[in-house]
Amino acid sequence: MKKKFLILLILLVVVAGGFFYFWYVWIPAQMEKESGVSPETQPPTLFGKEDYKIEEREDGKYIVVEKVGLTAKVPEGWEIKFEGSDYPEPEYWVNLSSPDAEVKDIPIKGCGISIIIGNEKETVKDIRNNIEILEEHPDIKPEEISYIYKDYTFDLIEINGYQTLLWKAPEREITGQAAGINILIGDEKLISFNTRFLPDYKQKCSPIWEKFLNDVVIE
């Protein structure tokens, strides 16, 4: 699995370029150290491009993934892009970006959200274990779960009856703050929403991120 993921990541870096590498490839790659996933956990096998549907409705655009019962509303006016590769097997995720997104070597303006869905039993097991720890010990410090989570924050929120793990990384001077949420579907399906609040854009992007999560429906 590690070899396959490494090959996929290299291909994505070459094809997608700096912007999508940093904002939408780099962020998912950080799931091992910026989410409830332990360093030993394998990355999930991502869904295929055909699993993500874009639906035009009267009130806007939606990303629909029937395999996990997901409906997510795209922020108004945002661009939708599929990122991934068909080699060695089809694996994709969806990238959403605001109209003012701008990059000069690295992103410098705008907001973004990535939607990543896949299958991985051990990943789901590890995240579920962390959720149970947080439920039993709400005052536990993140670094007590793992040293790599020092200065991170974890919160448990419920979405349509699913207990989910919301995390935020420490803020960085240049790259801002990464944040995300992990939703477990059954014993092996994982939905992840990731974002990054660039410096000077947290005040603008944070409410959009919160509304995006509030609009999520899982049937």
N, C-alpha and C. Protein backbone atom coordinates (compact mmCIF):
# COMPACT_ATOMS: atom_id res chain seq x y z
N MET A 1 0.83 -1.21 0.00
CA MET A 1 0.00 0.00 0.00
C MET A 1 0.87 1.26 0.00
N LYS A 2 1.96 1.25 0.83
CA LYS A 2 2.81 2.44 0.88
C LYS A 2 3.45 2.71 -0.47
N LYS A 3 3.89 1.65 -1.16
CA LYS A 3 4.53 1.82 -2.47
C LYS A 3 3.53 2.38 -3.46
N LYS A 4 2.30 1.85 -3.47
CA LYS A 4 1.27 2.34 -4.39
C LYS A 4 0.97 3.80 -4.12
N PHE A 5 0.85 4.19 -2.84
CA PHE A 5 0.53 5.56 -2.50
C PHE A 5 1.66 6.50 -2.90
N LEU A 6 2.91 6.05 -2.73
CA LEU A 6 4.05 6.88 -3.11
C LEU A 6 4.07 7.14 -4.60
N ILE A 7 3.80 6.09 -5.41
CA ILE A 7 3.76 6.26 -6.86
C ILE A 7 2.66 7.25 -7.25
N LEU A 8 1.48 7.11 -6.64
CA LEU A 8 0.36 8.01 -6.92
C LEU A 8 0.72 9.44 -6.56
N LEU A 9 1.36 9.64 -5.41
CA LEU A 9 1.72 10.98 -4.96
C LEU A 9 2.70 11.64 -5.90
N ILE A 10 3.70 10.87 -6.37
CA ILE A 10 4.68 11.43 -7.31
C ILE A 10 4.00 11.88 -8.60
N LEU A 11 3.10 11.05 -9.12
CA LEU A 11 2.38 11.41 -10.34
C LEU A 11 1.55 12.66 -10.14
N LEU A 12 0.93 12.77 -8.98
CA LEU A 12 0.09 13.94 -8.71
C LEU A 12 0.93 15.21 -8.63
N VAL A 13 2.10 15.10 -8.04
CA VAL A 13 2.97 16.29 -7.93
C VAL A 13 3.36 16.78 -9.31
N VAL A 14 3.70 15.88 -10.20
CA VAL A 14 4.13 16.25 -11.54
C VAL A 14 2.97 16.88 -12.31
N VAL A 15 1.80 16.28 -12.22
CA VAL A 15 0.66 16.71 -13.03
C VAL A 15 -0.01 17.95 -12.46
N ALA A 16 -0.18 17.98 -11.16
CA ALA A 16 -1.00 19.02 -10.55
C ALA A 16 -0.26 20.32 -10.34
N GLY A 17 1.06 20.26 -10.17
CA GLY A 17 1.82 21.49 -9.95
C GLY A 17 1.77 21.94 -8.50
N GLY A 18 2.48 23.06 -8.25
CA GLY A 18 2.67 23.51 -6.89
C GLY A 18 1.40 23.81 -6.12
N PHE A 19 0.44 24.47 -6.77
CA PHE A 19 -0.77 24.89 -6.05
C PHE A 19 -1.52 23.71 -5.47
N PHE A 20 -1.85 22.77 -6.33
CA PHE A 20 -2.64 21.64 -5.86
C PHE A 20 -1.81 20.69 -5.02
N TYR A 21 -0.49 20.64 -5.25
CA TYR A 21 0.34 19.81 -4.38
C TYR A 21 0.28 20.31 -2.95
N PHE A 22 0.48 21.62 -2.78
CA PHE A 22 0.53 22.15 -1.42
C PHE A 22 -0.84 22.13 -0.74
N TRP A 23 -1.85 22.58 -1.49
CA TRP A 23 -3.14 22.81 -0.85
C TRP A 23 -3.99 21.55 -0.81
N TYR A 24 -3.95 20.74 -1.88
CA TYR A 24 -4.86 19.62 -1.97
C TYR A 24 -4.17 18.25 -1.99
N VAL A 25 -2.88 18.19 -2.30
CA VAL A 25 -2.16 16.93 -2.22
C VAL A 25 -1.40 16.86 -0.91
N TRP A 26 -0.74 17.98 -0.56
CA TRP A 26 0.01 18.01 0.68
C TRP A 26 -0.90 17.82 1.88
N ILE A 27 -2.05 18.46 1.89
CA ILE A 27 -2.96 18.34 3.02
C ILE A 27 -3.42 16.90 3.23
N PRO A 28 -3.93 16.20 2.19
CA PRO A 28 -4.30 14.80 2.41
C PRO A 28 -3.13 13.95 2.87
N ALA A 29 -1.93 14.25 2.38
CA ALA A 29 -0.76 13.47 2.79
C ALA A 29 -0.45 13.67 4.26
N GLN A 30 -0.92 14.77 4.86
CA GLN A 30 -0.69 15.04 6.26
C GLN A 30 -1.69 14.33 7.17
N MET A 31 -2.61 13.57 6.60
CA MET A 31 -3.63 12.93 7.42
C MET A 31 -3.02 12.05 8.50
N GLU A 32 -1.84 11.50 8.24
CA GLU A 32 -1.21 10.64 9.23
C GLU A 32 -0.75 11.43 10.46
N LYS A 33 -0.37 12.70 10.28
CA LYS A 33 0.14 13.45 11.42
C LYS A 33 -0.71 14.66 11.80
N GLU A 34 -1.75 15.00 11.03
CA GLU A 34 -2.59 16.14 11.36
C GLU A 34 -4.03 15.72 11.55
N SER A 35 -4.25 14.42 11.82
CA SER A 35 -5.60 13.93 12.11
C SER A 35 -5.51 12.87 13.17
N GLY A 36 -6.59 12.15 13.36
CA GLY A 36 -6.60 11.10 14.36
C GLY A 36 -6.02 9.82 13.87
N VAL A 37 -5.09 9.85 12.93
CA VAL A 37 -4.52 8.64 12.37
C VAL A 37 -3.10 8.47 12.89
N SER A 38 -2.77 7.28 13.37
CA SER A 38 -1.45 7.05 13.92
C SER A 38 -0.43 6.95 12.80
N PRO A 39 0.86 7.21 13.08
CA PRO A 39 1.89 7.16 12.04
C PRO A 39 2.01 5.79 11.38
N GLU A 40 1.61 4.71 12.07
CA GLU A 40 1.73 3.38 11.50
C GLU A 40 0.60 3.05 10.54
N THR A 41 -0.44 3.87 10.53
CA THR A 41 -1.63 3.56 9.74
C THR A 41 -1.39 3.79 8.25
N GLN A 42 -1.93 2.89 7.43
CA GLN A 42 -1.82 3.02 5.99
C GLN A 42 -2.84 4.04 5.49
N PRO A 43 -2.51 4.79 4.42
CA PRO A 43 -3.51 5.70 3.84
C PRO A 43 -4.64 4.90 3.21
N PRO A 44 -5.84 5.47 3.18
CA PRO A 44 -6.97 4.72 2.61
C PRO A 44 -6.84 4.54 1.11
N THR A 45 -7.51 3.50 0.59
CA THR A 45 -7.66 3.34 -0.85
C THR A 45 -8.80 4.23 -1.28
N LEU A 46 -8.52 5.25 -2.08
CA LEU A 46 -9.51 6.27 -2.39
C LEU A 46 -10.54 5.75 -3.38
N PHE A 47 -11.70 6.39 -3.37
CA PHE A 47 -12.77 6.05 -4.31
C PHE A 47 -12.38 6.48 -5.72
N GLY A 48 -13.07 5.91 -6.72
CA GLY A 48 -12.86 6.28 -8.10
C GLY A 48 -13.58 7.57 -8.45
N LYS A 49 -13.18 8.17 -9.56
CA LYS A 49 -13.78 9.44 -9.99
C LYS A 49 -15.27 9.31 -10.21
N GLU A 50 -15.71 8.15 -10.72
CA GLU A 50 -17.13 7.95 -11.01
C GLU A 50 -17.99 7.90 -9.76
N ASP A 51 -17.38 7.73 -8.59
CA ASP A 51 -18.14 7.66 -7.35
C ASP A 51 -18.60 9.03 -6.87
N TYR A 52 -17.95 10.09 -7.38
CA TYR A 52 -18.32 11.46 -6.99
C TYR A 52 -19.23 12.05 -8.07
N LYS A 53 -20.42 12.46 -7.68
CA LYS A 53 -21.37 13.06 -8.61
C LYS A 53 -21.55 14.54 -8.28
N ILE A 54 -21.62 15.37 -9.31
CA ILE A 54 -21.94 16.78 -9.13
C ILE A 54 -23.38 17.00 -9.52
N GLU A 55 -24.21 17.45 -8.59
CA GLU A 55 -25.63 17.69 -8.86
C GLU A 55 -25.93 19.18 -8.82
N GLU A 56 -26.59 19.65 -9.86
CA GLU A 56 -27.06 21.04 -9.92
C GLU A 56 -28.47 21.10 -9.37
N ARG A 57 -28.67 21.86 -8.30
CA ARG A 57 -29.99 22.02 -7.69
C ARG A 57 -30.35 23.50 -7.68
N GLU A 58 -31.58 23.77 -7.32
CA GLU A 58 -32.05 25.16 -7.34
C GLU A 58 -31.22 26.05 -6.43
N ASP A 59 -30.75 25.50 -5.33
CA ASP A 59 -30.01 26.31 -4.36
C ASP A 59 -28.50 26.18 -4.49
N GLY A 60 -28.02 25.53 -5.55
CA GLY A 60 -26.58 25.45 -5.75
C GLY A 60 -26.10 24.08 -6.19
N LYS A 61 -24.78 23.89 -6.13
CA LYS A 61 -24.16 22.64 -6.54
C LYS A 61 -23.87 21.76 -5.32
N TYR A 62 -23.96 20.46 -5.56
CA TYR A 62 -23.71 19.50 -4.48
C TYR A 62 -22.78 18.40 -4.97
N ILE A 63 -21.94 17.91 -4.05
CA ILE A 63 -21.16 16.70 -4.29
C ILE A 63 -21.91 15.56 -3.62
N VAL A 64 -22.25 14.53 -4.40
CA VAL A 64 -23.01 13.40 -3.88
C VAL A 64 -22.19 12.13 -4.09
N VAL A 65 -22.04 11.37 -3.01
CA VAL A 65 -21.32 10.09 -3.07
C VAL A 65 -22.24 9.04 -2.47
N GLU A 66 -22.91 8.30 -3.33
CA GLU A 66 -23.94 7.36 -2.88
C GLU A 66 -23.37 6.22 -2.05
N LYS A 67 -22.15 5.82 -2.31
CA LYS A 67 -21.55 4.70 -1.58
C LYS A 67 -21.50 4.93 -0.08
N VAL A 68 -21.40 6.18 0.32
CA VAL A 68 -21.35 6.50 1.75
C VAL A 68 -22.53 7.37 2.18
N GLY A 69 -23.50 7.56 1.29
CA GLY A 69 -24.69 8.35 1.62
C GLY A 69 -24.39 9.82 1.84
N LEU A 70 -23.35 10.35 1.19
CA LEU A 70 -22.91 11.73 1.44
C LEU A 70 -23.52 12.72 0.46
N THR A 71 -23.98 13.84 0.99
CA THR A 71 -24.36 14.99 0.19
C THR A 71 -23.70 16.22 0.81
N ALA A 72 -22.86 16.91 0.05
CA ALA A 72 -22.13 18.07 0.56
C ALA A 72 -22.35 19.24 -0.38
N LYS A 73 -22.79 20.37 0.16
CA LYS A 73 -23.05 21.55 -0.67
C LYS A 73 -21.76 22.30 -0.94
N VAL A 74 -21.53 22.63 -2.21
CA VAL A 74 -20.35 23.39 -2.61
C VAL A 74 -20.58 24.86 -2.28
N PRO A 75 -19.64 25.51 -1.61
CA PRO A 75 -19.80 26.95 -1.35
C PRO A 75 -20.08 27.71 -2.65
N GLU A 76 -20.95 28.67 -2.57
CA GLU A 76 -21.41 29.39 -3.77
C GLU A 76 -20.25 30.03 -4.53
N GLY A 77 -20.22 29.76 -5.84
CA GLY A 77 -19.21 30.36 -6.71
C GLY A 77 -17.87 29.67 -6.69
N TRP A 78 -17.72 28.59 -5.91
CA TRP A 78 -16.43 27.91 -5.82
C TRP A 78 -16.22 26.98 -6.99
N GLU A 79 -14.93 26.77 -7.33
CA GLU A 79 -14.54 25.89 -8.41
C GLU A 79 -14.44 24.45 -7.90
N ILE A 80 -14.84 23.50 -8.74
CA ILE A 80 -14.77 22.08 -8.41
C ILE A 80 -13.76 21.41 -9.33
N LYS A 81 -12.81 20.70 -8.76
CA LYS A 81 -11.83 19.96 -9.55
C LYS A 81 -11.65 18.56 -8.98
N PHE A 82 -11.51 17.59 -9.89
CA PHE A 82 -11.17 16.23 -9.49
C PHE A 82 -9.66 16.07 -9.59
N GLU A 83 -9.05 15.52 -8.55
CA GLU A 83 -7.62 15.27 -8.55
C GLU A 83 -7.38 13.79 -8.25
N GLY A 84 -6.43 13.21 -8.94
CA GLY A 84 -6.11 11.82 -8.70
C GLY A 84 -5.44 11.20 -9.90
N SER A 85 -5.51 9.90 -10.00
CA SER A 85 -4.84 9.19 -11.06
C SER A 85 -5.54 7.86 -11.31
N ASP A 86 -5.41 7.35 -12.54
CA ASP A 86 -5.93 6.03 -12.88
C ASP A 86 -4.86 4.95 -12.72
N TYR A 87 -3.66 5.34 -12.30
CA TYR A 87 -2.56 4.39 -12.18
C TYR A 87 -2.03 4.37 -10.75
N PRO A 88 -1.80 3.22 -10.13
CA PRO A 88 -2.02 1.88 -10.71
C PRO A 88 -3.48 1.45 -10.72
N GLU A 89 -4.34 2.19 -10.03
CA GLU A 89 -5.78 1.97 -10.09
C GLU A 89 -6.45 3.31 -9.83
N PRO A 90 -7.71 3.49 -10.28
CA PRO A 90 -8.36 4.80 -10.13
C PRO A 90 -8.54 5.19 -8.66
N GLU A 91 -7.98 6.33 -8.30
CA GLU A 91 -8.16 6.88 -6.96
C GLU A 91 -8.23 8.40 -7.09
N TYR A 92 -9.30 8.98 -6.57
CA TYR A 92 -9.53 10.42 -6.74
C TYR A 92 -10.09 11.05 -5.47
N TRP A 93 -9.94 12.36 -5.40
CA TRP A 93 -10.66 13.15 -4.42
C TRP A 93 -11.13 14.44 -5.10
N VAL A 94 -11.93 15.23 -4.39
CA VAL A 94 -12.51 16.45 -4.95
C VAL A 94 -11.90 17.66 -4.25
N ASN A 95 -11.50 18.66 -5.05
CA ASN A 95 -10.95 19.89 -4.52
C ASN A 95 -11.90 21.05 -4.81
N LEU A 96 -12.18 21.83 -3.81
CA LEU A 96 -13.02 23.01 -3.95
C LEU A 96 -12.18 24.24 -3.63
N SER A 97 -12.28 25.28 -4.44
CA SER A 97 -11.49 26.49 -4.19
C SER A 97 -12.32 27.73 -4.46
N SER A 98 -12.07 28.76 -3.67
CA SER A 98 -12.81 30.01 -3.79
C SER A 98 -12.35 30.78 -5.03
N PRO A 99 -13.19 31.69 -5.54
CA PRO A 99 -12.85 32.43 -6.76
C PRO A 99 -11.59 33.28 -6.62
N ASP A 100 -11.25 33.70 -5.40
CA ASP A 100 -10.09 34.57 -5.21
C ASP A 100 -8.82 33.80 -4.89
N ALA A 101 -8.87 32.47 -5.00
CA ALA A 101 -7.67 31.68 -4.70
C ALA A 101 -6.54 32.07 -5.65
N GLU A 102 -5.36 32.25 -5.10
CA GLU A 102 -4.21 32.68 -5.90
C GLU A 102 -2.96 32.00 -5.37
N VAL A 103 -2.04 31.70 -6.28
CA VAL A 103 -0.81 31.03 -5.88
C VAL A 103 0.40 31.68 -6.53
N LYS A 104 1.47 31.82 -5.76
CA LYS A 104 2.77 32.22 -6.28
C LYS A 104 3.78 31.29 -5.62
N ASP A 105 4.03 30.18 -6.29
CA ASP A 105 4.82 29.07 -5.75
C ASP A 105 4.03 28.31 -4.69
N ILE A 106 3.47 29.02 -3.72
CA ILE A 106 2.56 28.42 -2.74
C ILE A 106 1.30 29.28 -2.69
N PRO A 107 0.18 28.73 -2.20
CA PRO A 107 -1.04 29.53 -2.11
C PRO A 107 -0.84 30.75 -1.23
N ILE A 108 -1.33 31.89 -1.68
CA ILE A 108 -1.19 33.13 -0.91
C ILE A 108 -2.53 33.79 -0.64
N LYS A 109 -3.58 33.36 -1.36
CA LYS A 109 -4.89 33.97 -1.17
C LYS A 109 -5.99 32.90 -1.29
N GLY A 110 -7.13 33.22 -0.69
CA GLY A 110 -8.32 32.41 -0.90
C GLY A 110 -8.51 31.27 0.09
N CYS A 111 -9.58 30.49 -0.18
CA CYS A 111 -9.99 29.40 0.69
C CYS A 111 -10.08 28.11 -0.11
N GLY A 112 -9.96 26.99 0.55
CA GLY A 112 -10.07 25.71 -0.13
C GLY A 112 -10.54 24.61 0.80
N ILE A 113 -11.21 23.62 0.24
CA ILE A 113 -11.66 22.45 0.97
C ILE A 113 -11.45 21.23 0.08
N SER A 114 -10.94 20.16 0.65
CA SER A 114 -10.79 18.91 -0.10
C SER A 114 -11.70 17.85 0.51
N ILE A 115 -12.28 17.02 -0.35
CA ILE A 115 -13.16 15.93 0.05
C ILE A 115 -12.47 14.63 -0.35
N ILE A 116 -12.12 13.82 0.64
CA ILE A 116 -11.37 12.59 0.39
C ILE A 116 -12.15 11.43 1.00
N ILE A 117 -12.45 10.42 0.20
CA ILE A 117 -13.22 9.27 0.68
C ILE A 117 -12.52 7.99 0.24
N GLY A 118 -12.43 7.04 1.16
CA GLY A 118 -11.76 5.80 0.80
C GLY A 118 -12.06 4.68 1.77
N ASN A 119 -11.41 3.55 1.54
CA ASN A 119 -11.57 2.36 2.37
C ASN A 119 -10.24 2.01 3.03
N GLU A 120 -10.25 1.81 4.32
CA GLU A 120 -9.05 1.34 5.01
C GLU A 120 -9.43 0.94 6.44
N LYS A 121 -9.49 -0.35 6.69
CA LYS A 121 -9.96 -0.85 7.98
C LYS A 121 -9.10 -0.37 9.14
N GLU A 122 -7.78 -0.43 8.98
CA GLU A 122 -6.90 -0.06 10.10
C GLU A 122 -6.99 1.43 10.41
N THR A 123 -7.12 2.27 9.35
CA THR A 123 -7.28 3.70 9.57
C THR A 123 -8.55 3.97 10.36
N VAL A 124 -9.65 3.37 9.94
CA VAL A 124 -10.92 3.56 10.64
C VAL A 124 -10.83 3.07 12.08
N LYS A 125 -10.17 1.94 12.27
CA LYS A 125 -10.02 1.39 13.62
C LYS A 125 -9.25 2.35 14.52
N ASP A 126 -8.16 2.91 14.00
CA ASP A 126 -7.35 3.83 14.79
C ASP A 126 -8.11 5.10 15.15
N ILE A 127 -8.82 5.65 14.17
CA ILE A 127 -9.60 6.87 14.44
C ILE A 127 -10.70 6.58 15.44
N ARG A 128 -11.37 5.44 15.30
CA ARG A 128 -12.44 5.08 16.24
C ARG A 128 -11.86 4.94 17.65
N ASN A 129 -10.68 4.36 17.76
CA ASN A 129 -10.05 4.24 19.08
C ASN A 129 -9.78 5.61 19.68
N ASN A 130 -9.31 6.55 18.85
CA ASN A 130 -9.06 7.91 19.35
C ASN A 130 -10.35 8.61 19.76
N ILE A 131 -11.42 8.37 19.02
CA ILE A 131 -12.72 8.94 19.39
C ILE A 131 -13.16 8.40 20.74
N GLU A 132 -12.98 7.10 20.96
CA GLU A 132 -13.37 6.49 22.23
C GLU A 132 -12.53 7.05 23.39
N ILE A 133 -11.25 7.29 23.13
CA ILE A 133 -10.39 7.89 24.16
C ILE A 133 -10.90 9.28 24.53
N LEU A 134 -11.24 10.07 23.51
CA LEU A 134 -11.73 11.43 23.76
C LEU A 134 -13.08 11.43 24.45
N GLU A 135 -13.92 10.44 24.14
CA GLU A 135 -15.21 10.33 24.81
C GLU A 135 -15.05 10.00 26.29
N GLU A 136 -14.11 9.10 26.59
CA GLU A 136 -13.90 8.66 27.97
C GLU A 136 -13.08 9.66 28.77
N HIS A 137 -12.20 10.40 28.06
CA HIS A 137 -11.31 11.35 28.75
C HIS A 137 -11.35 12.70 28.02
N PRO A 138 -12.44 13.46 28.17
CA PRO A 138 -12.59 14.71 27.40
C PRO A 138 -11.52 15.75 27.69
N ASP A 139 -10.82 15.64 28.82
CA ASP A 139 -9.80 16.63 29.18
C ASP A 139 -8.40 16.18 28.78
N ILE A 140 -8.28 15.07 28.10
CA ILE A 140 -6.96 14.57 27.73
C ILE A 140 -6.28 15.52 26.75
N LYS A 141 -4.98 15.67 26.89
CA LYS A 141 -4.22 16.51 25.97
C LYS A 141 -3.86 15.71 24.72
N PRO A 142 -3.92 16.32 23.54
CA PRO A 142 -3.62 15.59 22.30
C PRO A 142 -2.27 14.89 22.32
N GLU A 143 -1.25 15.51 22.95
CA GLU A 143 0.07 14.87 22.97
C GLU A 143 0.10 13.61 23.84
N GLU A 144 -0.93 13.45 24.70
CA GLU A 144 -1.03 12.23 25.49
C GLU A 144 -1.51 11.06 24.63
N ILE A 145 -2.17 11.36 23.50
CA ILE A 145 -2.56 10.33 22.55
C ILE A 145 -1.37 9.97 21.68
N SER A 146 -0.66 11.00 21.21
CA SER A 146 0.56 10.80 20.42
C SER A 146 1.36 12.09 20.46
N TYR A 147 2.68 11.97 20.53
CA TYR A 147 3.54 13.13 20.64
C TYR A 147 3.43 14.06 19.44
N ILE A 148 3.04 13.52 18.27
CA ILE A 148 2.96 14.37 17.08
C ILE A 148 1.79 15.34 17.13
N TYR A 149 0.90 15.19 18.10
CA TYR A 149 -0.29 16.05 18.18
C TYR A 149 -0.11 17.21 19.16
N LYS A 150 1.11 17.47 19.58
CA LYS A 150 1.34 18.58 20.52
C LYS A 150 0.83 19.88 19.91
N ASP A 151 0.05 20.63 20.71
CA ASP A 151 -0.54 21.92 20.34
C ASP A 151 -1.68 21.78 19.33
N TYR A 152 -2.12 20.54 19.06
CA TYR A 152 -3.31 20.33 18.24
C TYR A 152 -4.54 20.40 19.14
N THR A 153 -5.71 20.57 18.52
CA THR A 153 -6.96 20.49 19.27
C THR A 153 -7.86 19.45 18.61
N PHE A 154 -8.55 18.67 19.43
CA PHE A 154 -9.50 17.68 18.96
C PHE A 154 -10.86 17.99 19.56
N ASP A 155 -11.90 17.86 18.75
CA ASP A 155 -13.27 18.02 19.22
C ASP A 155 -14.13 16.93 18.61
N LEU A 156 -15.12 16.49 19.36
CA LEU A 156 -16.08 15.52 18.86
C LEU A 156 -17.38 16.24 18.55
N ILE A 157 -17.86 16.09 17.32
CA ILE A 157 -19.14 16.66 16.94
C ILE A 157 -19.97 15.59 16.25
N GLU A 158 -21.27 15.77 16.25
CA GLU A 158 -22.16 14.79 15.65
C GLU A 158 -22.73 15.32 14.34
N ILE A 159 -22.67 14.50 13.29
CA ILE A 159 -23.26 14.85 12.01
C ILE A 159 -24.21 13.74 11.60
N ASN A 160 -25.50 14.05 11.60
CA ASN A 160 -26.52 13.07 11.22
C ASN A 160 -26.37 11.75 11.98
N GLY A 161 -26.10 11.84 13.28
CA GLY A 161 -25.99 10.66 14.10
C GLY A 161 -24.63 10.00 14.11
N TYR A 162 -23.68 10.53 13.33
CA TYR A 162 -22.32 9.98 13.29
C TYR A 162 -21.41 10.81 14.20
N GLN A 163 -20.75 10.14 15.12
CA GLN A 163 -19.77 10.81 15.96
C GLN A 163 -18.51 11.03 15.14
N THR A 164 -18.07 12.26 15.01
CA THR A 164 -16.95 12.58 14.12
C THR A 164 -15.83 13.29 14.89
N LEU A 165 -14.64 13.20 14.34
CA LEU A 165 -13.46 13.79 14.96
C LEU A 165 -13.04 15.03 14.19
N LEU A 166 -13.09 16.17 14.85
CA LEU A 166 -12.69 17.45 14.27
C LEU A 166 -11.33 17.83 14.86
N TRP A 167 -10.36 18.15 13.99
CA TRP A 167 -9.02 18.47 14.47
C TRP A 167 -8.52 19.78 13.86
N LYS A 168 -7.64 20.43 14.60
CA LYS A 168 -6.98 21.64 14.12
C LYS A 168 -5.51 21.56 14.49
N ALA A 169 -4.66 21.87 13.52
CA ALA A 169 -3.22 21.88 13.75
C ALA A 169 -2.79 23.24 14.28
N PRO A 170 -1.59 23.34 14.81
CA PRO A 170 -1.08 24.65 15.24
C PRO A 170 -0.95 25.59 14.05
N GLU A 171 -1.10 26.87 14.30
CA GLU A 171 -0.96 27.86 13.23
C GLU A 171 0.51 28.08 12.90
N ARG A 172 0.79 28.18 11.58
CA ARG A 172 2.14 28.44 11.12
C ARG A 172 2.20 29.82 10.47
N GLU A 173 3.34 30.48 10.60
CA GLU A 173 3.46 31.87 10.12
C GLU A 173 3.24 31.97 8.62
N ILE A 174 3.76 31.03 7.84
CA ILE A 174 3.68 31.12 6.38
C ILE A 174 2.50 30.32 5.83
N THR A 175 2.32 29.11 6.32
CA THR A 175 1.32 28.21 5.73
C THR A 175 -0.03 28.27 6.41
N GLY A 176 -0.15 28.98 7.53
CA GLY A 176 -1.44 29.10 8.18
C GLY A 176 -1.77 27.90 9.05
N GLN A 177 -3.04 27.55 9.08
CA GLN A 177 -3.50 26.48 9.97
C GLN A 177 -4.30 25.44 9.20
N ALA A 178 -3.92 24.18 9.34
CA ALA A 178 -4.66 23.08 8.74
C ALA A 178 -5.74 22.61 9.70
N ALA A 179 -6.85 22.16 9.14
CA ALA A 179 -7.95 21.63 9.95
C ALA A 179 -8.68 20.57 9.14
N GLY A 180 -9.39 19.71 9.82
CA GLY A 180 -10.12 18.67 9.10
C GLY A 180 -11.08 17.93 9.99
N ILE A 181 -11.87 17.08 9.37
CA ILE A 181 -12.83 16.27 10.09
C ILE A 181 -12.85 14.88 9.48
N ASN A 182 -12.93 13.86 10.33
CA ASN A 182 -12.98 12.48 9.89
C ASN A 182 -14.32 11.87 10.29
N ILE A 183 -15.01 11.30 9.32
CA ILE A 183 -16.31 10.66 9.55
C ILE A 183 -16.18 9.19 9.20
N LEU A 184 -16.50 8.31 10.15
CA LEU A 184 -16.38 6.88 9.95
C LEU A 184 -17.71 6.29 9.52
N ILE A 185 -17.68 5.55 8.41
CA ILE A 185 -18.87 4.89 7.89
C ILE A 185 -18.63 3.38 7.95
N GLY A 186 -19.27 2.73 8.91
CA GLY A 186 -19.06 1.29 9.06
C GLY A 186 -17.66 1.00 9.58
N ASP A 187 -17.13 -0.17 9.19
CA ASP A 187 -15.85 -0.63 9.71
C ASP A 187 -14.66 -0.28 8.82
N GLU A 188 -14.91 0.27 7.62
CA GLU A 188 -13.76 0.52 6.76
C GLU A 188 -13.85 1.75 5.88
N LYS A 189 -15.00 2.41 5.81
CA LYS A 189 -15.13 3.60 4.96
C LYS A 189 -14.85 4.85 5.77
N LEU A 190 -14.08 5.77 5.16
CA LEU A 190 -13.68 7.00 5.83
C LEU A 190 -13.93 8.20 4.93
N ILE A 191 -14.67 9.17 5.46
CA ILE A 191 -14.87 10.46 4.78
C ILE A 191 -14.01 11.49 5.50
N SER A 192 -13.18 12.21 4.75
CA SER A 192 -12.36 13.26 5.34
C SER A 192 -12.59 14.57 4.58
N PHE A 193 -12.82 15.63 5.33
CA PHE A 193 -12.86 16.98 4.79
C PHE A 193 -11.66 17.71 5.38
N ASN A 194 -10.82 18.29 4.53
CA ASN A 194 -9.64 19.01 4.98
C ASN A 194 -9.64 20.43 4.44
N THR A 195 -9.06 21.33 5.21
CA THR A 195 -8.95 22.71 4.77
C THR A 195 -7.67 23.31 5.35
N ARG A 196 -7.33 24.50 4.89
CA ARG A 196 -6.20 25.25 5.46
C ARG A 196 -6.56 26.73 5.44
N PHE A 197 -6.43 27.35 6.61
CA PHE A 197 -6.68 28.78 6.73
C PHE A 197 -5.36 29.51 6.53
N LEU A 198 -5.20 30.11 5.36
CA LEU A 198 -3.97 30.85 5.08
C LEU A 198 -3.89 32.09 5.97
N PRO A 199 -2.67 32.59 6.22
CA PRO A 199 -2.53 33.82 7.00
C PRO A 199 -3.39 34.94 6.42
N ASP A 200 -4.07 35.65 7.28
CA ASP A 200 -4.95 36.78 6.91
C ASP A 200 -6.25 36.32 6.27
N TYR A 201 -6.50 34.99 6.15
CA TYR A 201 -7.73 34.52 5.53
C TYR A 201 -8.59 33.68 6.48
N LYS A 202 -8.14 33.50 7.71
CA LYS A 202 -8.90 32.67 8.64
C LYS A 202 -10.27 33.27 8.93
N GLN A 203 -10.33 34.59 9.09
CA GLN A 203 -11.59 35.24 9.41
C GLN A 203 -12.60 35.06 8.28
N LYS A 204 -12.13 35.05 7.04
CA LYS A 204 -13.03 34.87 5.90
C LYS A 204 -13.36 33.41 5.68
N CYS A 205 -12.37 32.54 5.76
CA CYS A 205 -12.55 31.14 5.37
C CYS A 205 -13.22 30.30 6.46
N SER A 206 -12.99 30.64 7.71
CA SER A 206 -13.52 29.84 8.81
C SER A 206 -15.04 29.73 8.79
N PRO A 207 -15.80 30.84 8.60
CA PRO A 207 -17.26 30.72 8.54
C PRO A 207 -17.73 29.87 7.36
N ILE A 208 -17.02 29.94 6.23
CA ILE A 208 -17.38 29.14 5.06
C ILE A 208 -17.18 27.66 5.37
N TRP A 209 -16.07 27.35 6.02
CA TRP A 209 -15.77 25.98 6.44
C TRP A 209 -16.84 25.45 7.40
N GLU A 210 -17.23 26.27 8.37
CA GLU A 210 -18.24 25.85 9.34
C GLU A 210 -19.60 25.63 8.67
N LYS A 211 -19.97 26.51 7.74
CA LYS A 211 -21.23 26.33 7.03
C LYS A 211 -21.19 25.08 6.16
N PHE A 212 -20.04 24.84 5.52
CA PHE A 212 -19.89 23.63 4.71
C PHE A 212 -20.17 22.39 5.56
N LEU A 213 -19.59 22.33 6.76
CA LEU A 213 -19.81 21.19 7.65
C LEU A 213 -21.26 21.10 8.10
N ASN A 214 -21.87 22.25 8.37
CA ASN A 214 -23.27 22.25 8.82
C ASN A 214 -24.22 21.76 7.73
N ASP A 215 -23.83 21.97 6.48
CA ASP A 215 -24.69 21.56 5.35
C ASP A 215 -24.51 20.09 4.95
N VAL A 216 -23.51 19.42 5.53
CA VAL A 216 -23.25 18.03 5.18
C VAL A 216 -24.40 17.13 5.64
N VAL A 217 -24.81 16.24 4.74
CA VAL A 217 -25.83 15.25 5.06
C VAL A 217 -25.28 13.86 4.78
N ILE A 218 -25.45 12.96 5.76
CA ILE A 218 -25.06 11.56 5.58
C ILE A 218 -26.27 10.70 5.89
N GLU A 219 -26.76 9.99 4.89
CA GLU A 219 -27.97 9.20 5.07
C GLU A 219 -27.64 7.76 5.43
